[in-house]
Amino acid sequence: MTDKPFNILVADTYTTKNGEEKTSWIRVGVAFPNKSGEGFTCQLPEGLALTGRFMILPRTDKTEDAA
C-alpha cells in the first residue's frame, strides 16, 4: 500500500438543465494507511457529519491533476 494520503470524497448528485442526472465529488477529508497496512486512519473536520455515499481515492499530485 502507498504512503501517500487519500482523499475522502462525498457524492453530490444533481440534475442538469436538460434533465440528466450527474454526480460531482466534494473532498471532505483525508485518510492515511495505518501502520499494519490493513486499513486507514481518517481525518474529518470538526462539525462535519457524513451520510450517504462516499469514497476514498488516492491523492494525486497537482501536476498530475493538470495533465
N, C-alpha and C. Protein backbone atom coordinates (compact mmCIF):
# COMPACT_ATOMS: atom_id res chain seq x y z
N MET A 1 0.84 -1.18 0.00
CA MET A 1 0.00 0.00 0.00
C MET A 1 0.89 1.25 0.00
N THR A 2 0.46 2.30 -0.64
CA THR A 2 1.22 3.53 -0.74
C THR A 2 1.22 4.31 0.56
N ASP A 3 2.25 5.14 0.76
CA ASP A 3 2.32 6.01 1.93
C ASP A 3 1.61 7.34 1.67
N LYS A 4 1.21 7.59 0.42
CA LYS A 4 0.53 8.83 0.08
C LYS A 4 -0.83 8.89 0.76
N PRO A 5 -1.28 10.10 1.13
CA PRO A 5 -2.62 10.22 1.70
C PRO A 5 -3.70 10.01 0.64
N PHE A 6 -4.89 9.70 1.10
CA PHE A 6 -6.04 9.50 0.24
C PHE A 6 -7.06 10.61 0.52
N ASN A 7 -7.82 10.99 -0.48
CA ASN A 7 -8.91 11.94 -0.28
C ASN A 7 -10.19 11.20 0.09
N ILE A 8 -10.97 11.77 1.00
CA ILE A 8 -12.31 11.27 1.30
C ILE A 8 -13.26 12.19 0.54
N LEU A 9 -14.07 11.60 -0.33
CA LEU A 9 -14.95 12.35 -1.21
C LEU A 9 -16.40 11.96 -0.97
N VAL A 10 -17.28 12.97 -0.95
CA VAL A 10 -18.71 12.76 -0.76
C VAL A 10 -19.43 13.05 -2.08
N ALA A 11 -20.38 12.20 -2.43
CA ALA A 11 -21.13 12.36 -3.66
C ALA A 11 -22.16 13.48 -3.53
N ASP A 12 -22.23 14.31 -4.56
CA ASP A 12 -23.26 15.35 -4.67
C ASP A 12 -23.97 15.13 -6.00
N THR A 13 -25.16 14.53 -5.93
CA THR A 13 -25.91 14.21 -7.14
C THR A 13 -26.82 15.39 -7.49
N TYR A 14 -26.85 15.75 -8.76
CA TYR A 14 -27.66 16.88 -9.21
C TYR A 14 -28.23 16.58 -10.59
N THR A 15 -29.21 17.39 -10.98
CA THR A 15 -29.84 17.25 -12.29
C THR A 15 -29.49 18.47 -13.13
N THR A 16 -29.03 18.23 -14.35
CA THR A 16 -28.68 19.32 -15.25
C THR A 16 -29.94 19.95 -15.82
N LYS A 17 -29.78 21.06 -16.52
CA LYS A 17 -30.92 21.77 -17.13
C LYS A 17 -31.68 20.89 -18.12
N ASN A 18 -30.96 19.97 -18.78
CA ASN A 18 -31.63 19.09 -19.75
C ASN A 18 -32.13 17.78 -19.12
N GLY A 19 -32.16 17.73 -17.77
CA GLY A 19 -32.74 16.58 -17.08
C GLY A 19 -31.80 15.41 -16.83
N GLU A 20 -30.55 15.55 -17.19
CA GLU A 20 -29.58 14.48 -16.99
C GLU A 20 -29.09 14.49 -15.54
N GLU A 21 -29.05 13.31 -14.90
CA GLU A 21 -28.55 13.22 -13.53
C GLU A 21 -27.05 12.99 -13.55
N LYS A 22 -26.32 13.79 -12.78
CA LYS A 22 -24.86 13.69 -12.71
C LYS A 22 -24.43 13.70 -11.25
N THR A 23 -23.19 13.31 -11.03
CA THR A 23 -22.62 13.31 -9.69
C THR A 23 -21.29 14.05 -9.72
N SER A 24 -21.11 14.96 -8.78
CA SER A 24 -19.80 15.56 -8.57
C SER A 24 -19.32 15.09 -7.20
N TRP A 25 -18.01 15.11 -7.00
CA TRP A 25 -17.44 14.60 -5.76
C TRP A 25 -16.74 15.74 -5.04
N ILE A 26 -17.07 15.91 -3.75
CA ILE A 26 -16.53 17.00 -2.95
C ILE A 26 -15.57 16.42 -1.91
N ARG A 27 -14.35 16.95 -1.87
CA ARG A 27 -13.35 16.48 -0.91
C ARG A 27 -13.70 17.01 0.48
N VAL A 28 -13.86 16.09 1.45
CA VAL A 28 -14.26 16.48 2.80
C VAL A 28 -13.24 16.06 3.86
N GLY A 29 -12.24 15.29 3.49
CA GLY A 29 -11.28 14.84 4.49
C GLY A 29 -10.13 14.11 3.85
N VAL A 30 -9.33 13.49 4.72
CA VAL A 30 -8.14 12.78 4.27
C VAL A 30 -8.03 11.47 5.04
N ALA A 31 -7.45 10.46 4.38
CA ALA A 31 -7.24 9.15 5.00
C ALA A 31 -5.79 8.74 4.76
N PHE A 32 -5.20 8.11 5.77
CA PHE A 32 -3.83 7.63 5.69
C PHE A 32 -3.81 6.14 5.96
N PRO A 33 -3.04 5.36 5.20
CA PRO A 33 -2.92 3.94 5.51
C PRO A 33 -2.36 3.78 6.93
N ASN A 34 -2.94 2.87 7.72
CA ASN A 34 -2.39 2.67 9.06
C ASN A 34 -1.15 1.79 8.99
N LYS A 35 -0.46 1.70 10.12
CA LYS A 35 0.84 1.01 10.13
C LYS A 35 0.75 -0.45 9.73
N SER A 36 -0.37 -1.11 10.03
CA SER A 36 -0.50 -2.53 9.69
C SER A 36 -0.76 -2.72 8.19
N GLY A 37 -1.18 -1.65 7.51
CA GLY A 37 -1.48 -1.76 6.09
C GLY A 37 -2.82 -2.39 5.80
N GLU A 38 -3.62 -2.62 6.84
CA GLU A 38 -4.91 -3.30 6.66
C GLU A 38 -6.10 -2.35 6.75
N GLY A 39 -5.86 -1.07 6.85
CA GLY A 39 -6.96 -0.13 6.97
C GLY A 39 -6.46 1.29 6.87
N PHE A 40 -7.30 2.23 7.29
CA PHE A 40 -6.99 3.65 7.19
C PHE A 40 -7.27 4.36 8.50
N THR A 41 -6.51 5.41 8.74
CA THR A 41 -6.84 6.39 9.76
C THR A 41 -7.40 7.58 9.02
N CYS A 42 -8.61 8.01 9.39
CA CYS A 42 -9.30 9.07 8.65
C CYS A 42 -9.42 10.33 9.49
N GLN A 43 -9.30 11.49 8.84
CA GLN A 43 -9.47 12.78 9.49
C GLN A 43 -10.56 13.55 8.77
N LEU A 44 -11.55 14.00 9.54
CA LEU A 44 -12.63 14.84 9.02
C LEU A 44 -12.66 16.11 9.85
N PRO A 45 -13.04 17.24 9.26
CA PRO A 45 -13.09 18.47 10.03
C PRO A 45 -14.17 18.41 11.10
N GLU A 46 -13.96 19.14 12.18
CA GLU A 46 -14.93 19.19 13.27
C GLU A 46 -16.27 19.71 12.75
N GLY A 47 -17.35 19.07 13.20
CA GLY A 47 -18.69 19.51 12.84
C GLY A 47 -19.22 18.90 11.55
N LEU A 48 -18.41 18.12 10.85
CA LEU A 48 -18.87 17.50 9.60
C LEU A 48 -19.55 16.18 9.92
N ALA A 49 -20.74 16.01 9.39
CA ALA A 49 -21.47 14.75 9.54
C ALA A 49 -21.56 14.09 8.18
N LEU A 50 -21.16 12.83 8.08
CA LEU A 50 -21.23 12.11 6.81
C LEU A 50 -22.44 11.20 6.80
N THR A 51 -23.20 11.30 5.73
CA THR A 51 -24.28 10.37 5.49
C THR A 51 -24.26 10.06 4.00
N GLY A 52 -24.89 8.98 3.63
CA GLY A 52 -24.95 8.65 2.21
C GLY A 52 -23.67 8.02 1.71
N ARG A 53 -23.36 8.30 0.49
CA ARG A 53 -22.28 7.61 -0.19
C ARG A 53 -21.01 8.45 -0.20
N PHE A 54 -19.88 7.79 0.06
CA PHE A 54 -18.58 8.46 -0.05
C PHE A 54 -17.56 7.44 -0.53
N MET A 55 -16.41 7.94 -0.99
CA MET A 55 -15.34 7.04 -1.41
C MET A 55 -14.01 7.61 -0.99
N ILE A 56 -13.03 6.72 -0.94
CA ILE A 56 -11.67 7.10 -0.60
C ILE A 56 -10.80 6.76 -1.81
N LEU A 57 -10.13 7.79 -2.35
CA LEU A 57 -9.29 7.63 -3.54
C LEU A 57 -7.89 8.13 -3.26
N PRO A 58 -6.87 7.56 -3.91
CA PRO A 58 -5.51 8.06 -3.74
C PRO A 58 -5.43 9.53 -4.14
N ARG A 59 -4.71 10.29 -3.37
CA ARG A 59 -4.48 11.70 -3.69
C ARG A 59 -3.43 11.77 -4.79
N THR A 60 -3.62 12.65 -5.74
CA THR A 60 -2.65 12.82 -6.82
C THR A 60 -1.93 14.14 -6.64
N ASP A 61 -0.75 14.24 -7.23
CA ASP A 61 -0.02 15.49 -7.21
C ASP A 61 -0.75 16.50 -8.08
N LYS A 62 -0.63 17.79 -7.75
CA LYS A 62 -1.32 18.82 -8.53
C LYS A 62 -0.87 18.80 -9.99
N THR A 63 0.38 18.44 -10.25
CA THR A 63 0.85 18.39 -11.64
C THR A 63 0.19 17.25 -12.39
N GLU A 64 -0.12 16.15 -11.69
CA GLU A 64 -0.84 15.02 -12.32
C GLU A 64 -2.27 15.41 -12.63
N ASP A 65 -2.91 16.20 -11.73
CA ASP A 65 -4.29 16.62 -11.94
C ASP A 65 -4.42 17.51 -13.17
N ALA A 66 -3.41 18.32 -13.45
CA ALA A 66 -3.47 19.24 -14.58
C ALA A 66 -3.32 18.54 -15.92
N ALA A 67 -2.72 17.37 -15.90
CA ALA A 67 -2.46 16.64 -17.16
C ALA A 67 -3.72 16.04 -17.75
